[in-house]
C-alpha atoms as a PDB file:
ATOM      1  CA  UNK A   1     -65.383 -28.178-100.345  1.00  0.00           C
ATOM      2  CA  UNK A   2     -65.352 -24.816-102.248  1.00  0.00           C
ATOM      3  CA  UNK A   3     -63.919 -21.748-100.504  1.00  0.00           C
ATOM      4  CA  UNK A   4     -67.249 -20.056-100.843  1.00  0.00           C
ATOM      5  CA  UNK A   5     -69.065 -22.956 -99.077  1.00  0.00           C
ATOM      6  CA  UNK A   6     -66.448 -23.025 -96.269  1.00  0.00           C
ATOM      7  CA  UNK A   7     -67.003 -19.180 -95.802  1.00  0.00           C
ATOM      8  CA  UNK A   8     -70.759 -19.721 -95.577  1.00  0.00           C
ATOM      9  CA  UNK A   9     -70.402 -22.621 -93.109  1.00  0.00           C
ATOM     10  CA  UNK A  10     -67.954 -20.565 -90.999  1.00  0.00           C
ATOM     11  CA  UNK A  11     -70.402 -17.449 -90.909  1.00  0.00           C
ATOM     12  CA  UNK A  12     -73.362 -19.606 -90.062  1.00  0.00           C
ATOM     13  CA  UNK A  13     -71.686 -21.627 -87.344  1.00  0.00           C
ATOM     14  CA  UNK A  14     -68.360 -20.117 -86.308  1.00  0.00           C
ATOM     15  CA  UNK A  15     -69.672 -16.453 -85.895  1.00  0.00           C
ATOM     16  CA  UNK A  16     -72.610 -17.519 -83.508  1.00  0.00           C
ATOM     17  CA  UNK A  17     -70.081 -19.544 -81.465  1.00  0.00           C
ATOM     18  CA  UNK A  18     -67.602 -16.805 -81.315  1.00  0.00           C
ATOM     19  CA  UNK A  19     -70.306 -14.404 -80.114  1.00  0.00           C
ATOM     20  CA  UNK A  20     -71.545 -16.773 -77.409  1.00  0.00           C
ATOM     21  CA  UNK A  21     -67.917 -17.301 -76.037  1.00  0.00           C
ATOM     22  CA  UNK A  22     -67.351 -13.563 -76.127  1.00  0.00           C
ATOM     23  CA  UNK A  23     -70.519 -12.985 -74.002  1.00  0.00           C
ATOM     24  CA  UNK A  24     -69.593 -15.732 -71.670  1.00  0.00           C
ATOM     25  CA  UNK A  25     -66.201 -14.010 -71.083  1.00  0.00           C
ATOM     26  CA  UNK A  26     -67.819 -10.673 -70.513  1.00  0.00           C
ATOM     27  CA  UNK A  27     -70.453 -11.943 -68.207  1.00  0.00           C
ATOM     28  CA  UNK A  28     -67.924 -14.027 -66.350  1.00  0.00           C
ATOM     29  CA  UNK A  29     -65.587 -11.224 -65.397  1.00  0.00           C
ATOM     30  CA  UNK A  30     -65.766 -11.064 -61.570  1.00  0.00           C
ATOM     31  CA  UNK A  31     -65.253  -7.271 -61.305  1.00  0.00           C
ATOM     32  CA  UNK A  32     -68.334  -6.806 -63.654  1.00  0.00           C
ATOM     33  CA  UNK A  33     -70.572  -9.273 -62.291  1.00  0.00           C
ATOM     34  CA  UNK A  34     -72.764  -6.672 -60.599  1.00  0.00           C
ATOM     35  CA  UNK A  35     -73.859  -5.499 -64.036  1.00  0.00           C
ATOM     36  CA  UNK A  36     -73.031  -8.439 -66.338  1.00  0.00           C
ATOM     37  CA  UNK A  37     -74.188 -11.505 -64.478  1.00  0.00           C
ATOM     38  CA  UNK A  38     -74.409 -15.076 -65.865  1.00  0.00           C
ATOM     39  CA  UNK A  39     -77.087 -15.922 -63.419  1.00  0.00           C
ATOM     40  CA  UNK A  40     -79.595 -13.582 -65.254  1.00  0.00           C
ATOM     41  CA  UNK A  41     -82.328 -13.716 -67.679  1.00  0.00           C
ATOM     42  CA  UNK A  42     -80.247 -11.682 -70.134  1.00  0.00           C
ATOM     43  CA  UNK A  43     -77.570 -14.390 -70.213  1.00  0.00           C
ATOM     44  CA  UNK A  44     -79.761 -17.361 -70.134  1.00  0.00           C
ATOM     45  CA  UNK A  45     -82.296 -16.101 -72.648  1.00  0.00           C
ATOM     46  CA  UNK A  46     -80.736 -13.437 -74.810  1.00  0.00           C
ATOM     47  CA  UNK A  47     -77.423 -15.313 -75.496  1.00  0.00           C
ATOM     48  CA  UNK A  48     -78.992 -18.409 -77.076  1.00  0.00           C
ATOM     49  CA  UNK A  49     -81.608 -16.284 -78.856  1.00  0.00           C
ATOM     50  CA  UNK A  50     -79.056 -14.036 -80.542  1.00  0.00           C
ATOM     51  CA  UNK A  51     -76.987 -17.160 -81.443  1.00  0.00           C
ATOM     52  CA  UNK A  52     -80.052 -18.677 -83.039  1.00  0.00           C
ATOM     53  CA  UNK A  53     -80.831 -15.366 -84.811  1.00  0.00           C
ATOM     54  CA  UNK A  54     -77.308 -14.947 -86.198  1.00  0.00           C
ATOM     55  CA  UNK A  55     -77.170 -18.674 -87.334  1.00  0.00           C
ATOM     56  CA  UNK A  56     -80.307 -18.339 -89.490  1.00  0.00           C
ATOM     57  CA  UNK A  57     -79.849 -14.770 -90.586  1.00  0.00           C
ATOM     58  CA  UNK A  58     -76.407 -15.506 -91.998  1.00  0.00           C
ATOM     59  CA  UNK A  59     -77.755 -18.642 -93.838  1.00  0.00           C
ATOM     60  CA  UNK A  60     -79.012 -18.706 -97.456  1.00  0.00           C
ATOM     61  CA  UNK A  61     -82.542 -17.540 -98.000  1.00  0.00           C
ATOM     62  CA  UNK A  62     -83.852 -20.882 -99.213  1.00  0.00           C
ATOM     63  CA  UNK A  63     -82.609 -22.512 -95.993  1.00  0.00           C
ATOM     64  CA  UNK A  64     -83.922 -19.846 -93.762  1.00  0.00           C
ATOM     65  CA  UNK A  65     -87.375 -20.140 -95.337  1.00  0.00           C
ATOM     66  CA  UNK A  66     -87.558 -23.767 -93.918  1.00  0.00           C
ATOM     67  CA  UNK A  67     -89.096 -23.831 -90.508  1.00  0.00           C
ATOM     68  CA  UNK A  68     -87.359 -26.927 -89.355  1.00  0.00           C
ATOM     69  CA  UNK A  69     -84.064 -25.312 -90.340  1.00  0.00           C
ATOM     70  CA  UNK A  70     -84.990 -22.143 -88.307  1.00  0.00           C
ATOM     71  CA  UNK A  71     -85.829 -24.345 -85.335  1.00  0.00           C
ATOM     72  CA  UNK A  72     -83.116 -26.958 -85.298  1.00  0.00           C
ATOM     73  CA  UNK A  73     -80.064 -25.403 -86.927  1.00  0.00           C
ATOM     74  CA  UNK A  74     -79.368 -22.979 -84.112  1.00  0.00           C
ATOM     75  CA  UNK A  75     -78.964 -25.887 -81.711  1.00  0.00           C
ATOM     76  CA  UNK A  76     -75.598 -26.719 -83.597  1.00  0.00           C
ATOM     77  CA  UNK A  77     -73.636 -23.606 -82.385  1.00  0.00           C
ATOM     78  CA  UNK A  78     -75.401 -23.857 -78.947  1.00  0.00           C
ATOM     79  CA  UNK A  79     -74.169 -27.559 -78.630  1.00  0.00           C
ATOM     80  CA  UNK A  80     -70.792 -26.467 -79.944  1.00  0.00           C
ATOM     81  CA  UNK A  81     -70.609 -23.684 -77.240  1.00  0.00           C
ATOM     82  CA  UNK A  82     -71.505 -26.225 -74.580  1.00  0.00           C
ATOM     83  CA  UNK A  83     -68.866 -28.708 -75.686  1.00  0.00           C
ATOM     84  CA  UNK A  84     -66.055 -26.030 -75.887  1.00  0.00           C
ATOM     85  CA  UNK A  85     -66.947 -24.508 -72.348  1.00  0.00           C
ATOM     86  CA  UNK A  86     -67.106 -28.106 -70.917  1.00  0.00           C
ATOM     87  CA  UNK A  87     -63.737 -29.133 -72.564  1.00  0.00           C
ATOM     88  CA  UNK A  88     -61.970 -26.191 -71.252  1.00  0.00           C
ATOM     89  CA  UNK A  89     -63.601 -26.392 -67.838  1.00  0.00           C
ATOM     90  CA  UNK A  90     -65.244 -23.060 -68.233  1.00  0.00           C
ATOM     91  CA  UNK A  91     -68.596 -24.464 -67.072  1.00  0.00           C
ATOM     92  CA  UNK A  92     -69.393 -27.523 -65.202  1.00  0.00           C
ATOM     93  CA  UNK A  93     -71.609 -30.459 -66.431  1.00  0.00           C
ATOM     94  CA  UNK A  94     -74.448 -29.898 -63.875  1.00  0.00           C
ATOM     95  CA  UNK A  95     -74.755 -26.235 -64.704  1.00  0.00           C
ATOM     96  CA  UNK A  96     -74.782 -26.906 -68.469  1.00  0.00           C
ATOM     97  CA  UNK A  97     -77.451 -29.648 -68.083  1.00  0.00           C
ATOM     98  CA  UNK A  98     -79.795 -27.420 -66.118  1.00  0.00           C
ATOM     99  CA  UNK A  99     -79.588 -24.489 -68.666  1.00  0.00           C
ATOM    100  CA  UNK A 100     -79.744 -26.744 -71.815  1.00  0.00           C
ATOM    101  CA  UNK A 101     -83.598 -26.672 -72.185  1.00  0.00           C
ATOM    102  CA  UNK A 102     -83.622 -22.974 -71.882  1.00  0.00           C
ATOM    103  CA  UNK A 103     -80.764 -22.548 -74.416  1.00  0.00           C
ATOM    104  CA  UNK A 104     -82.445 -24.838 -77.029  1.00  0.00           C
ATOM    105  CA  UNK A 105     -85.789 -23.261 -76.737  1.00  0.00           C
ATOM    106  CA  UNK A 106     -84.378 -19.671 -76.760  1.00  0.00           C
ATOM    107  CA  UNK A 107     -82.076 -20.552 -79.733  1.00  0.00           C
ATOM    108  CA  UNK A 108     -85.016 -21.870 -81.749  1.00  0.00           C
ATOM    109  CA  UNK A 109     -87.057 -18.654 -81.071  1.00  0.00           C
ATOM    110  CA  UNK A 110     -84.079 -16.522 -82.234  1.00  0.00           C
ATOM    111  CA  UNK A 111     -83.711 -18.748 -85.323  1.00  0.00           C
ATOM    112  CA  UNK A 112     -87.429 -18.183 -86.122  1.00  0.00           C
ATOM    113  CA  UNK A 113     -87.016 -14.371 -85.726  1.00  0.00           C
ATOM    114  CA  UNK A 114     -83.824 -14.514 -87.715  1.00  0.00           C
ATOM    115  CA  UNK A 115     -85.577 -16.434 -90.477  1.00  0.00           C
ATOM    116  CA  UNK A 116     -88.364 -13.867 -90.581  1.00  0.00           C
ATOM    117  CA  UNK A 117     -86.041 -11.053 -91.249  1.00  0.00           C
ATOM    118  CA  UNK A 118     -83.948 -13.028 -93.754  1.00  0.00           C
ATOM    119  CA  UNK A 119     -86.947 -14.126 -95.785  1.00  0.00           C
ATOM    120  CA  UNK A 120     -88.646 -10.721 -95.678  1.00  0.00           C
ATOM    121  CA  UNK A 121     -85.401  -9.365 -97.419  1.00  0.00           C
ATOM    122  CA  UNK A 122     -85.003  -7.119 -94.411  1.00  0.00           C
ATOM    123  CA  UNK A 123     -81.281  -7.295 -94.648  1.00  0.00           C
ATOM    124  CA  UNK A 124     -80.515  -3.812 -93.368  1.00  0.00           C
ATOM    125  CA  UNK A 125     -77.096  -4.084 -91.883  1.00  0.00           C
ATOM    126  CA  UNK A 126     -78.244  -2.095 -88.852  1.00  0.00           C
ATOM    127  CA  UNK A 127     -80.261  -5.025 -87.437  1.00  0.00           C
ATOM    128  CA  UNK A 128     -77.167  -7.370 -86.717  1.00  0.00           C
ATOM    129  CA  UNK A 129     -75.387  -4.756 -84.562  1.00  0.00           C
ATOM    130  CA  UNK A 130     -78.516  -3.794 -82.664  1.00  0.00           C
ATOM    131  CA  UNK A 131     -79.327  -7.517 -81.968  1.00  0.00           C
ATOM    132  CA  UNK A 132     -75.657  -8.226 -80.877  1.00  0.00           C
ATOM    133  CA  UNK A 133     -75.420  -5.299 -78.592  1.00  0.00           C
ATOM    134  CA  UNK A 134     -78.819  -5.914 -76.960  1.00  0.00           C
ATOM    135  CA  UNK A 135     -77.507  -7.920 -73.920  1.00  0.00           C
ATOM    136  CA  UNK A 136     -75.239  -5.065 -73.001  1.00  0.00           C
ATOM    137  CA  UNK A 137     -78.110  -2.726 -72.700  1.00  0.00           C
ATOM    138  CA  UNK A 138     -80.544  -5.307 -71.148  1.00  0.00           C
ATOM    139  CA  UNK A 139     -78.228  -6.471 -68.439  1.00  0.00           C
ATOM    140  CA  UNK A 140     -77.807  -3.156 -66.668  1.00  0.00           C
ATOM    141  CA  UNK A 141     -81.560  -2.622 -66.696  1.00  0.00           C
ATOM    142  CA  UNK A 142     -82.189  -6.211 -65.356  1.00  0.00           C
ATOM    143  CA  UNK A 143     -79.555  -5.419 -62.602  1.00  0.00           C
ATOM    144  CA  UNK A 144     -81.428  -2.182 -61.718  1.00  0.00           C
ATOM    145  CA  UNK A 145     -84.712  -4.112 -61.346  1.00  0.00           C
ATOM    146  CA  UNK A 146     -82.945  -6.631 -58.986  1.00  0.00           C
ATOM    147  CA  UNK A 147     -83.189 -10.105 -58.109  1.00  0.00           C
ATOM    148  CA  UNK A 148     -86.319 -11.775 -56.570  1.00  0.00           C
ATOM    149  CA  UNK A 149     -85.545 -13.420 -53.125  1.00  0.00           C
ATOM    150  CA  UNK A 150     -88.132 -15.984 -52.547  1.00  0.00           C
ATOM    151  CA  UNK A 151     -88.648 -18.989 -50.197  1.00  0.00           C
ATOM    152  CA  UNK A 152     -89.800 -22.333 -51.314  1.00  0.00           C
ATOM    153  CA  UNK A 153     -90.676 -25.551 -49.318  1.00  0.00           C
ATOM    154  CA  UNK A 154     -89.684 -29.052 -50.567  1.00  0.00           C
ATOM    155  CA  UNK A 155     -92.049 -31.570 -48.889  1.00  0.00           C
ATOM    156  CA  UNK A 156     -91.734 -35.352 -48.999  1.00  0.00           C
ATOM    157  CA  UNK A 157     -93.012 -38.301 -46.933  1.00  0.00           C
ATOM    158  CA  UNK A 158     -92.845 -42.230 -46.701  1.00  0.00           C
ATOM    159  CA  UNK A 159     -94.863 -44.872 -44.947  1.00  0.00           C
ATOM    160  CA  UNK A 160     -93.046 -47.082 -42.633  1.00  0.00           C
ATOM    161  CA  UNK A 161     -94.116 -50.343 -40.983  1.00  0.00           C
ATOM    162  CA  UNK A 162     -92.181 -50.173 -37.744  1.00  0.00           C
ATOM    163  CA  UNK A 163     -92.520 -48.881 -34.073  1.00  0.00           C
ATOM    164  CA  UNK A 164     -92.183 -45.115 -33.553  1.00  0.00           C
ATOM    165  CA  UNK A 165     -89.035 -45.465 -31.328  1.00  0.00           C
ATOM    166  CA  UNK A 166     -87.281 -47.542 -33.943  1.00  0.00           C
ATOM    167  CA  UNK A 167     -88.149 -45.102 -36.718  1.00  0.00           C
ATOM    168  CA  UNK A 168     -87.067 -42.025 -34.509  1.00  0.00           C
ATOM    169  CA  UNK A 169     -83.718 -43.605 -33.755  1.00  0.00           C
ATOM    170  CA  UNK A 170     -82.932 -43.677 -37.465  1.00  0.00           C
ATOM    171  CA  UNK A 171     -84.117 -40.167 -37.816  1.00  0.00           C
ATOM    172  CA  UNK A 172     -82.121 -38.444 -35.139  1.00  0.00           C
ATOM    173  CA  UNK A 173     -78.942 -40.320 -36.137  1.00  0.00           C
ATOM    174  CA  UNK A 174     -78.310 -41.640 -39.571  1.00  0.00           C
ATOM    175  CA  UNK A 175     -75.571 -44.131 -39.679  1.00  0.00           C
ATOM    176  CA  UNK A 176     -73.164 -44.175 -42.568  1.00  0.00           C
ATOM    177  CA  UNK A 177     -74.747 -44.516 -46.080  1.00  0.00           C
ATOM    178  CA  UNK A 178     -72.793 -46.692 -48.496  1.00  0.00           C
ATOM    179  CA  UNK A 179     -72.771 -45.776 -52.155  1.00  0.00           C
ATOM    180  CA  UNK A 180     -74.867 -48.903 -52.836  1.00  0.00           C
ATOM    181  CA  UNK A 181     -77.840 -47.686 -50.545  1.00  0.00           C
ATOM    182  CA  UNK A 182     -77.766 -44.140 -52.165  1.00  0.00           C
ATOM    183  CA  UNK A 183     -80.962 -44.183 -54.593  1.00  0.00           C
ATOM    184  CA  UNK A 184     -80.778 -40.502 -55.284  1.00  0.00           C
ATOM    185  CA  UNK A 185     -81.399 -40.341 -59.271  1.00  0.00           C
ATOM    186  CA  UNK A 186     -81.379 -36.632 -60.076  1.00  0.00           C
ATOM    187  CA  UNK A 187     -78.504 -35.745 -57.681  1.00  0.00           C
ATOM    188  CA  UNK A 188     -76.508 -38.678 -59.094  1.00  0.00           C
ATOM    189  CA  UNK A 189     -77.129 -37.303 -62.662  1.00  0.00           C
ATOM    190  CA  UNK A 190     -76.027 -33.986 -61.745  1.00  0.00           C
ATOM    191  CA  UNK A 191     -73.058 -35.316 -59.838  1.00  0.00           C
ATOM    192  CA  UNK A 192     -74.136 -33.653 -56.554  1.00  0.00           C
ATOM    193  CA  UNK A 193     -72.493 -34.630 -53.294  1.00  0.00           C
ATOM    194  CA  UNK A 194     -74.519 -37.648 -51.727  1.00  0.00           C
ATOM    195  CA  UNK A 195     -75.483 -38.030 -48.082  1.00  0.00           C
ATOM    196  CA  UNK A 196     -73.047 -40.017 -45.824  1.00  0.00           C
ATOM    197  CA  UNK A 197     -74.342 -39.773 -42.322  1.00  0.00           C
ATOM    198  CA  UNK A 198     -75.977 -37.446 -39.733  1.00  0.00           C
ATOM    199  CA  UNK A 199     -74.886 -36.975 -36.117  1.00  0.00           C
ATOM    200  CA  UNK A 200     -76.849 -35.395 -33.241  1.00  0.00           C
ATOM    201  CA  UNK A 201     -75.064 -34.644 -30.071  1.00  0.00           C
ATOM    202  CA  UNK A 202     -78.114 -34.962 -27.900  1.00  0.00           C
ATOM    203  CA  UNK A 203     -81.761 -35.063 -28.239  1.00  0.00           C
ATOM    204  CA  UNK A 204     -83.505 -31.790 -27.408  1.00  0.00           C
ATOM    205  CA  UNK A 205     -83.775 -28.102 -28.259  1.00  0.00           C
ATOM    206  CA  UNK A 206     -80.482 -26.541 -28.910  1.00  0.00           C
ATOM    207  CA  UNK A 207     -78.851 -29.817 -29.969  1.00  0.00           C
ATOM    208  CA  UNK A 208     -76.433 -29.730 -32.797  1.00  0.00           C
ATOM    209  CA  UNK A 209     -76.725 -32.080 -35.812  1.00  0.00           C
ATOM    210  CA  UNK A 210     -74.416 -32.341 -38.718  1.00  0.00           C
ATOM    211  CA  UNK A 211     -75.658 -33.838 -42.023  1.00  0.00           C
ATOM    212  CA  UNK A 212     -72.523 -34.919 -43.740  1.00  0.00           C
ATOM    213  CA  UNK A 213     -72.221 -35.366 -47.541  1.00  0.00           C
ATOM    214  CA  UNK A 214     -69.445 -36.442 -49.751  1.00  0.00           C
ATOM    215  CA  UNK A 215     -66.869 -34.020 -51.040  1.00  0.00           C
ATOM    216  CA  UNK A 216     -66.716 -31.986 -48.000  1.00  0.00           C
ATOM    217  CA  UNK A 217     -70.348 -30.668 -47.870  1.00  0.00           C
ATOM    218  CA  UNK A 218     -71.730 -30.397 -44.368  1.00  0.00           C
ATOM    219  CA  UNK A 219     -75.059 -28.996 -43.143  1.00  0.00           C
ATOM    220  CA  UNK A 220     -74.841 -27.705 -39.737  1.00  0.00           C
ATOM    221  CA  UNK A 221     -78.225 -27.976 -38.011  1.00  0.00           C
ATOM    222  CA  UNK A 222     -79.496 -26.616 -34.807  1.00  0.00           C
ATOM    223  CA  UNK A 223     -82.520 -28.189 -33.208  1.00  0.00           C
ATOM    224  CA  UNK A 224     -85.359 -25.474 -32.549  1.00  0.00           C
ATOM    225  CA  UNK A 225     -88.210 -27.804 -31.619  1.00  0.00           C
ATOM    226  CA  UNK A 226     -88.149 -31.228 -30.327  1.00  0.00           C
ATOM    227  CA  UNK A 227     -90.971 -33.752 -29.366  1.00  0.00           C
ATOM    228  CA  UNK A 228     -89.484 -37.257 -28.894  1.00  0.00           C
ATOM    229  CA  UNK A 229     -90.763 -39.777 -31.393  1.00  0.00           C
ATOM    230  CA  UNK A 230     -93.003 -37.175 -33.044  1.00  0.00           C
ATOM    231  CA  UNK A 231     -91.229 -33.773 -34.354  1.00  0.00           C
ATOM    232  CA  UNK A 232     -87.832 -32.311 -34.708  1.00  0.00           C
ATOM    233  CA  UNK A 233     -87.316 -28.962 -36.460  1.00  0.00           C
ATOM    234  CA  UNK A 234     -84.003 -27.450 -37.074  1.00  0.00           C
ATOM    235  CA  UNK A 235     -82.239 -24.645 -38.723  1.00  0.00           C
ATOM    236  CA  UNK A 236     -79.800 -25.465 -41.555  1.00  0.00           C
ATOM    237  CA  UNK A 237     -76.500 -23.643 -42.369  1.00  0.00           C
ATOM    238  CA  UNK A 238     -74.051 -24.357 -44.946  1.00  0.00           C
ATOM    239  CA  UNK A 239     -70.811 -22.456 -44.945  1.00  0.00           C
ATOM    240  CA  UNK A 240     -69.492 -21.858 -48.495  1.00  0.00           C
ATOM    241  CA  UNK A 241     -65.975 -21.390 -47.277  1.00  0.00           C
ATOM    242  CA  UNK A 242     -65.949 -24.900 -45.990  1.00  0.00           C
ATOM    243  CA  UNK A 243     -66.843 -26.383 -49.291  1.00  0.00           C
ATOM    244  CA  UNK A 244     -64.107 -27.301 -51.622  1.00  0.00           C
ATOM    245  CA  UNK A 245     -64.059 -25.493 -54.936  1.00  0.00           C
ATOM    246  CA  UNK A 246     -64.278 -28.731 -56.799  1.00  0.00           C
ATOM    247  CA  UNK A 247     -67.440 -29.906 -54.893  1.00  0.00           C
ATOM    248  CA  UNK A 248     -70.153 -27.792 -56.668  1.00  0.00           C
ATOM    249  CA  UNK A 249     -70.433 -25.468 -59.494  1.00  0.00           C
ATOM    250  CA  UNK A 250     -69.796 -21.867 -58.187  1.00  0.00           C
ATOM    251  CA  UNK A 251     -73.436 -20.716 -59.183  1.00  0.00           C
ATOM    252  CA  UNK A 252     -74.946 -23.779 -57.311  1.00  0.00           C
ATOM    253  CA  UNK A 253     -73.095 -23.502 -54.075  1.00  0.00           C
ATOM    254  CA  UNK A 254     -75.334 -24.073 -50.919  1.00  0.00           C
ATOM    255  CA  UNK A 255     -75.361 -20.966 -48.776  1.00  0.00           C
ATOM    256  CA  UNK A 256     -73.915 -18.831 -51.591  1.00  0.00           C
ATOM    257  CA  UNK A 257     -75.369 -15.918 -53.375  1.00  0.00           C
ATOM    258  CA  UNK A 258     -78.123 -17.626 -55.238  1.00  0.00           C
ATOM    259  CA  UNK A 259     -79.227 -20.624 -53.315  1.00  0.00           C
ATOM    260  CA  UNK A 260     -79.426 -21.486 -49.532  1.00  0.00           C
ATOM    261  CA  UNK A 261     -81.206 -24.141 -47.366  1.00  0.00           C
ATOM    262  CA  UNK A 262     -82.865 -22.412 -44.264  1.00  0.00           C
ATOM    263  CA  UNK A 263     -84.481 -25.158 -42.213  1.00  0.00           C
ATOM    264  CA  UNK A 264     -85.971 -28.532 -42.054  1.00  0.00           C
ATOM    265  CA  UNK A 265     -88.595 -30.596 -40.026  1.00  0.00           C
ATOM    266  CA  UNK A 266     -89.369 -34.315 -39.384  1.00  0.00           C
ATOM    267  CA  UNK A 267     -92.726 -35.121 -38.319  1.00  0.00           C
ATOM    268  CA  UNK A 268     -93.886 -38.800 -37.394  1.00  0.00           C
ATOM    269  CA  UNK A 269     -97.512 -39.653 -37.935  1.00  0.00           C
ATOM    270  CA  UNK A 270     -99.205 -42.599 -36.497  1.00  0.00           C
ATOM    271  CA  UNK A 271    -101.416 -44.524 -39.165  1.00  0.00           C
ATOM    272  CA  UNK A 272    -102.366 -47.211 -36.654  1.00  0.00           C
ATOM    273  CA  UNK A 273    -101.537 -50.926 -36.611  1.00  0.00           C
ATOM    274  CA  UNK A 274     -97.803 -50.065 -35.996  1.00  0.00           C
ATOM    275  CA  UNK A 275     -97.590 -48.174 -39.213  1.00  0.00           C
ATOM    276  CA  UNK A 276     -96.393 -44.585 -39.395  1.00  0.00           C
ATOM    277  CA  UNK A 277     -95.870 -41.859 -41.916  1.00  0.00           C
ATOM    278  CA  UNK A 278     -92.606 -39.973 -41.780  1.00  0.00           C
ATOM    279  CA  UNK A 279     -92.880 -36.446 -43.222  1.00  0.00           C
ATOM    280  CA  UNK A 280     -89.854 -34.473 -44.070  1.00  0.00           C
ATOM    281  CA  UNK A 281     -89.838 -30.955 -45.403  1.00  0.00           C
ATOM    282  CA  UNK A 282     -87.256 -28.180 -45.850  1.00  0.00           C
ATOM    283  CA  UNK A 283     -87.439 -24.544 -46.665  1.00  0.00           C
ATOM    284  CA  UNK A 284     -85.005 -22.867 -48.956  1.00  0.00           C
ATOM    285  CA  UNK A 285     -84.432 -19.632 -50.770  1.00  0.00           C
ATOM    286  CA  UNK A 286     -83.538 -18.518 -54.197  1.00  0.00           C
ATOM    287  CA  UNK A 287     -82.003 -15.208 -55.192  1.00  0.00           C
ATOM    288  CA  UNK A 288     -82.139 -14.862 -58.983  1.00  0.00           C
ATOM    289  CA  UNK A 289     -84.180 -13.094 -61.651  1.00  0.00           C
ATOM    290  CA  UNK A 290     -85.379 -16.316 -63.085  1.00  0.00           C
ATOM    291  CA  UNK A 291     -86.757 -18.060 -60.057  1.00  0.00           C
ATOM    292  CA  UNK A 292     -89.525 -19.325 -62.106  1.00  0.00           C
ATOM    293  CA  UNK A 293     -87.069 -21.885 -63.755  1.00  0.00           C
ATOM    294  CA  UNK A 294     -84.539 -22.280 -61.038  1.00  0.00           C
ATOM    295  CA  UNK A 295     -87.102 -23.119 -58.450  1.00  0.00           C
ATOM    296  CA  UNK A 296     -88.111 -26.129 -60.658  1.00  0.00           C
ATOM    297  CA  UNK A 297     -84.697 -27.587 -60.429  1.00  0.00           C
ATOM    298  CA  UNK A 298     -84.040 -26.626 -56.720  1.00  0.00           C
ATOM    299  CA  UNK A 299     -87.324 -28.460 -55.868  1.00  0.00           C
ATOM    300  CA  UNK A 300     -86.316 -31.485 -57.755  1.00  0.00           C
ATOM    301  CA  UNK A 301     -82.939 -31.630 -56.251  1.00  0.00           C
ATOM    302  CA  UNK A 302     -84.075 -31.115 -52.675  1.00  0.00           C
ATOM    303  CA  UNK A 303     -86.969 -33.613 -52.944  1.00  0.00           C
ATOM    304  CA  UNK A 304     -84.568 -36.154 -54.472  1.00  0.00           C
ATOM    305  CA  UNK A 305     -82.128 -35.639 -51.554  1.00  0.00           C
ATOM    306  CA  UNK A 306     -84.993 -35.938 -49.069  1.00  0.00           C
ATOM    307  CA  UNK A 307     -86.623 -39.046 -50.703  1.00  0.00           C
ATOM    308  CA  UNK A 308     -83.341 -40.716 -50.731  1.00  0.00           C
ATOM    309  CA  UNK A 309     -82.745 -40.204 -47.129  1.00  0.00           C
ATOM    310  CA  UNK A 310     -86.489 -41.318 -46.227  1.00  0.00           C
ATOM    311  CA  UNK A 311     -86.094 -44.572 -48.199  1.00  0.00           C
ATOM    312  CA  UNK A 312     -82.913 -45.422 -46.177  1.00  0.00           C
ATOM    313  CA  UNK A 313     -84.711 -44.622 -42.895  1.00  0.00           C
ATOM    314  CA  UNK A 314     -87.530 -46.791 -43.899  1.00  0.00           C
ATOM    315  CA  UNK A 315     -85.339 -49.717 -44.877  1.00  0.00           C
ATOM    316  CA  UNK A 316     -83.365 -49.598 -41.663  1.00  0.00           C
ATOM    317  CA  UNK A 317     -86.531 -49.199 -39.502  1.00  0.00           C
ATOM    318  CA  UNK A 318     -88.368 -52.035 -41.116  1.00  0.00           C
ATOM    319  CA  UNK A 319     -85.395 -54.572 -41.407  1.00  0.00           C
ATOM    320  CA  UNK A 320     -82.878 -53.245 -38.952  1.00  0.00           C
ATOM    321  CA  UNK A 321     -80.308 -53.454 -41.667  1.00  0.00           C
ATOM    322  CA  UNK A 322     -77.408 -50.979 -41.772  1.00  0.00           C
END
């Protein structure tokens, strides 16, 4: 490989990677996170877009003219950035997986823009500094606008062929769930804590219920409404200081700055012929500037957890198995 070709590859790939790592470092400095925050549109969209722009802009004109090159080549430094941050434990696997679609799409958009400037011979050296510095101006503006705190509801249900009393006994107190009984798919993929058991001290308003998950995650629940064999509503509180640092990514901690579960409700509806529909819904809030995307993942995770618990309660109610 000639020295010229090596320098060309380094410029096309290494420079965008170095820029991404630099931005990750700046936006990860704790003392600056009120202005430069990774949980922001600036970081999630501008970083990969600029990586894509630089990748194609520094490429040869004949390559930049190819639309497939503009779209796909920016993925190379993005994936390399992911591998580096994962290898050095800068970011966790769940967080990277969730932002991957945004990064790939944004990188391709940046590549298309970079290709446009490259092929139009608009090679004024002023463009690159302006593009590179853009996040440092956009992030303070985004901070001034502020995050959008919004509540969402995750609703799930399951039909069970069993008496109401039997179903309700499996709702109020969930006996220990083995790893084999855990059918959560999305939560398993993201390596989230799985449900272990739920304990209720007594049946009635004011009762305390603890939903215990693996890795030290505990939801402290207080019953606010209780109708035997029909309805149980409860507040939900997770204390971040109780959760070990290795349990969840710092940006995904329940009860933290960006995500919190507020309350939940079980309702048992009779369908006749000893058949019942068990409803389970929970309310949670997000506090980010990109709730439009974060809510999609949050709803998926919450529904996966709830469906997992419901299928266990159905199995135990219908078969009496543990």
